[in-house]
Amino acid sequence: MALAQPERGGVLAGQIGPRTGPPDDAPTAPLRGTLATTACMETLQVGYLHAVAAAAGCSLSQPFPDNGIDWHVSHGAPEHVVDDEVTIKVQLKATYQVPPRPAGPTFAFTLDNEHLVKLARTPVAVHKILVVMLVPREREQWLAAGHDRLDLRHCCYWTNLAGHPVTGRRRTTVRIPTARIFDDRALCEIMTRVGSGGTP
């Protein structure tokens, strides 16, 4: 009985072994679909959000129809003061125009004024955050799978834009703090603050 050998493609760099190049019969690149890059970026950031929510023990729901907010994220814990389950609204954005590991305490991101007005409204019954994902320009660099992990590149950052003024005619540039990496710990901390009656 012949045993199938594992596929070489998809293993993270450095885990393949001593060989440095692809097999002789390997194609130069996989045949990717023709879906627009922006549409693929939206799918990638949703995958990132799902992974973070899963690790944080949160549930996700998607408003239907969409009214300018992408996702509702809920976090249940008996320690919450305002309710046993609290919810925030999340607007997702992605860009390949900002390089990874942005220098300085913030990076610039431009929003349509219509989106900013919705995110900046205050006071609110349900708090909102903006999550911006920086991705490589080339899709083949977006992820790498290995036997012990799945790497998504590059990173998501979050901010609370409540009270932010509209300054442009049609679009406004906001500053996204580089210290606010959006991961499971950050989401749990956001939910803890909201659950105690505070802001994200």
Protein backbone atom coordinates (compact mmCIF):
# COMPACT_ATOMS: atom_id res chain seq x y z
CA MET A 1 0.00 0.00 0.00
CA ALA A 2 1.41 3.38 -1.02
CA LEU A 3 1.32 6.21 1.50
CA ALA A 4 0.52 9.72 0.29
CA GLN A 5 3.29 12.19 0.88
CA PRO A 6 2.44 15.58 2.45
CA GLU A 7 2.11 18.57 0.17
CA ARG A 8 5.14 20.86 0.14
CA GLY A 9 3.19 24.01 -0.71
CA GLY A 10 1.81 26.14 2.10
CA VAL A 11 4.41 25.25 4.75
CA LEU A 12 5.89 28.28 6.46
CA ALA A 13 9.32 29.37 5.32
CA GLY A 14 12.04 27.70 7.32
CA GLN A 15 9.99 24.55 8.00
CA ILE A 16 10.48 22.79 4.67
CA GLY A 17 13.99 21.50 5.30
CA PRO A 18 17.43 22.01 3.82
CA ARG A 19 16.25 22.52 0.24
CA THR A 20 16.20 26.24 -0.55
CA GLY A 21 14.17 26.34 -3.76
CA PRO A 22 10.88 24.92 -4.93
CA PRO A 23 10.71 21.42 -6.42
CA ASP A 24 11.72 21.20 -10.06
CA ASP A 25 8.16 20.44 -11.17
CA ALA A 26 6.52 23.12 -8.98
CA PRO A 27 4.63 25.94 -10.72
CA THR A 28 6.08 29.41 -10.26
CA ALA A 29 2.90 30.62 -8.53
CA PRO A 30 -0.53 29.18 -7.69
CA LEU A 31 -3.41 30.09 -9.98
CA ARG A 32 -5.39 32.63 -7.96
CA GLY A 33 -8.95 33.69 -8.68
CA THR A 34 -9.82 36.90 -10.45
CA LEU A 35 -11.80 38.44 -7.58
CA ALA A 36 -10.86 42.10 -7.12
CA THR A 37 -8.07 42.74 -4.62
CA THR A 38 -10.26 45.09 -2.57
CA ALA A 39 -12.91 42.39 -2.23
CA CYS A 40 -10.25 39.91 -1.12
CA MET A 41 -8.95 42.42 1.42
CA GLU A 42 -12.43 42.65 2.93
CA THR A 43 -12.55 38.87 3.27
CA LEU A 44 -9.07 38.77 4.84
CA GLN A 45 -9.92 41.34 7.51
CA VAL A 46 -13.13 39.49 8.36
CA GLY A 47 -11.03 36.37 8.91
CA TYR A 48 -8.74 38.36 11.22
CA LEU A 49 -11.75 39.65 13.20
CA HIS A 50 -13.19 36.15 13.53
CA ALA A 51 -9.89 34.81 14.86
CA VAL A 52 -9.57 37.62 17.42
CA ALA A 53 -13.19 37.23 18.55
CA ALA A 54 -12.80 33.47 18.92
CA ALA A 55 -9.69 33.82 21.08
CA ALA A 56 -11.39 36.51 23.19
CA GLY A 57 -14.52 34.41 23.76
CA CYS A 58 -16.76 36.84 21.91
CA SER A 59 -19.71 36.27 19.62
CA LEU A 60 -20.16 38.03 16.29
CA SER A 61 -23.22 39.15 14.39
CA GLN A 62 -23.53 41.02 11.12
CA PRO A 63 -26.25 43.66 10.75
CA PHE A 64 -28.68 42.98 7.94
CA PRO A 65 -29.11 45.12 6.03
CA ASP A 66 -25.76 46.83 6.59
CA ASN A 67 -26.27 50.39 7.82
CA GLY A 68 -22.65 51.51 7.70
CA ILE A 69 -21.39 49.25 10.49
CA ASP A 70 -19.82 45.91 9.59
CA TRP A 71 -20.03 43.82 12.76
CA HIS A 72 -21.45 43.66 16.27
CA VAL A 73 -19.14 41.99 18.78
CA SER A 74 -20.57 40.77 22.11
CA HIS A 75 -18.73 39.69 25.25
CA GLY A 76 -20.45 37.93 28.12
CA ALA A 77 -19.01 37.86 31.65
CA PRO A 78 -20.68 37.95 35.09
CA GLU A 79 -18.14 40.61 36.14
CA HIS A 80 -19.68 43.21 33.81
CA VAL A 81 -21.52 45.91 35.73
CA VAL A 82 -23.86 47.33 33.07
CA ASP A 83 -25.12 43.93 31.86
CA ASP A 84 -23.95 40.33 31.79
CA GLU A 85 -23.25 40.78 28.07
CA VAL A 86 -21.95 43.94 26.42
CA THR A 87 -21.68 44.77 22.73
CA ILE A 88 -19.61 47.09 20.58
CA LYS A 89 -19.93 47.94 16.89
CA VAL A 90 -16.91 47.42 14.65
CA GLN A 91 -16.18 49.09 11.31
CA LEU A 92 -13.46 47.29 9.32
CA LYS A 93 -11.11 48.94 6.84
CA ALA A 94 -7.98 47.68 5.07
CA THR A 95 -5.18 49.29 3.10
CA TYR A 96 -1.91 48.31 1.41
CA GLN A 97 -0.78 51.95 1.15
CA VAL A 98 0.69 52.00 4.68
CA PRO A 99 3.83 49.89 5.20
CA PRO A 100 4.06 47.33 8.02
CA ARG A 101 5.29 48.47 11.44
CA PRO A 102 4.45 52.14 10.78
CA ALA A 103 7.03 54.51 12.22
CA GLY A 104 5.88 56.88 14.93
CA PRO A 105 2.97 56.80 17.38
CA THR A 106 0.25 57.01 14.68
CA PHE A 107 -0.35 56.56 10.97
CA ALA A 108 -2.77 58.43 8.72
CA PHE A 109 -5.94 56.87 7.36
CA THR A 110 -8.58 58.66 5.29
CA LEU A 111 -12.32 58.08 5.76
CA ASP A 112 -15.32 59.25 3.80
CA ASN A 113 -17.04 61.93 5.87
CA GLU A 114 -20.25 59.89 5.90
CA HIS A 115 -18.43 57.02 7.63
CA LEU A 116 -16.64 59.34 10.03
CA VAL A 117 -19.86 61.03 11.13
CA LYS A 118 -21.32 57.64 12.03
CA LEU A 119 -18.19 56.57 13.93
CA ALA A 120 -17.73 59.94 15.67
CA ARG A 121 -21.28 60.35 16.99
CA THR A 122 -21.53 60.89 20.73
CA PRO A 123 -23.17 60.07 23.06
CA VAL A 124 -24.17 56.57 21.94
CA ALA A 125 -25.96 53.60 23.44
CA VAL A 126 -23.52 51.15 21.80
CA HIS A 127 -19.89 52.18 21.40
CA LYS A 128 -18.13 51.93 18.03
CA ILE A 129 -14.53 51.32 17.07
CA LEU A 130 -12.67 51.50 13.78
CA VAL A 131 -10.31 48.60 12.98
CA VAL A 132 -7.80 49.19 10.18
CA MET A 133 -5.80 46.29 8.72
CA LEU A 134 -2.50 46.87 6.97
CA VAL A 135 -1.92 44.23 4.31
CA PRO A 136 0.85 43.54 1.79
CA ARG A 137 0.14 44.74 -1.73
CA GLU A 138 0.66 41.25 -3.19
CA ARG A 139 -1.87 38.58 -2.22
CA GLU A 140 0.70 35.79 -2.13
CA GLN A 141 2.21 37.53 0.90
CA TRP A 142 -1.03 37.72 2.92
CA LEU A 143 -0.74 34.44 4.80
CA ALA A 144 1.47 31.46 5.42
CA ALA A 145 0.40 28.14 6.94
CA GLY A 146 2.55 25.78 8.94
CA HIS A 147 2.05 22.75 11.13
CA ASP A 148 1.91 24.86 14.29
CA ARG A 149 0.43 28.20 13.18
CA LEU A 150 -1.26 30.30 10.54
CA ASP A 151 0.32 33.70 9.97
CA LEU A 152 -1.86 36.57 8.68
CA ARG A 153 -0.06 39.69 7.52
CA HIS A 154 0.35 42.34 8.52
CA CYS A 155 -1.64 43.71 11.46
CA CYS A 156 -4.89 45.34 12.59
CA TYR A 157 -5.02 48.51 14.69
CA TRP A 158 -8.06 49.99 16.42
CA THR A 159 -9.25 53.39 17.58
CA ASN A 160 -12.31 55.05 19.06
CA LEU A 161 -13.26 58.08 16.94
CA ALA A 162 -16.06 59.37 19.18
CA GLY A 163 -16.14 63.17 18.95
CA HIS A 164 -13.67 63.35 16.04
CA PRO A 165 -14.39 66.43 13.86
CA VAL A 166 -14.97 66.35 10.11
CA THR A 167 -12.27 68.53 8.53
CA GLY A 168 -12.29 67.68 4.82
CA ARG A 169 -14.80 68.47 2.12
CA ARG A 170 -15.59 64.86 1.28
CA ARG A 171 -12.96 62.89 3.19
CA THR A 172 -11.16 63.37 6.49
CA THR A 173 -7.77 62.02 7.56
CA VAL A 174 -7.70 60.46 11.02
CA ARG A 175 -4.71 59.20 13.01
CA ILE A 176 -4.57 55.53 14.06
CA PRO A 177 -2.40 54.79 17.12
CA THR A 178 0.25 52.15 16.42
CA ALA A 179 0.21 51.07 20.08
CA ARG A 180 -3.40 49.87 19.71
CA ILE A 181 -2.84 46.51 18.06
CA PHE A 182 -6.16 44.72 17.70
CA ASP A 183 -5.80 41.24 19.17
CA ASP A 184 -7.70 39.09 21.66
CA ARG A 185 -6.21 40.81 24.70
CA ALA A 186 -7.04 44.24 23.34
CA LEU A 187 -10.61 43.15 22.62
CA CYS A 188 -11.03 41.72 26.13
CA GLU A 189 -9.71 44.97 27.61
CA ILE A 190 -12.10 47.01 25.45
CA MET A 191 -15.02 44.86 26.59
CA THR A 192 -13.97 45.13 30.24
CA ARG A 193 -14.00 48.91 30.05
CA VAL A 194 -17.36 48.96 28.28
CA GLY A 195 -18.73 46.42 30.75
CA SER A 196 -17.85 48.72 33.63
CA GLY A 197 -19.71 51.62 32.04
CA GLY A 198 -16.72 53.23 30.35
CA THR A 199 -15.64 53.76 26.76
CA PRO A 200 -13.57 51.45 24.56
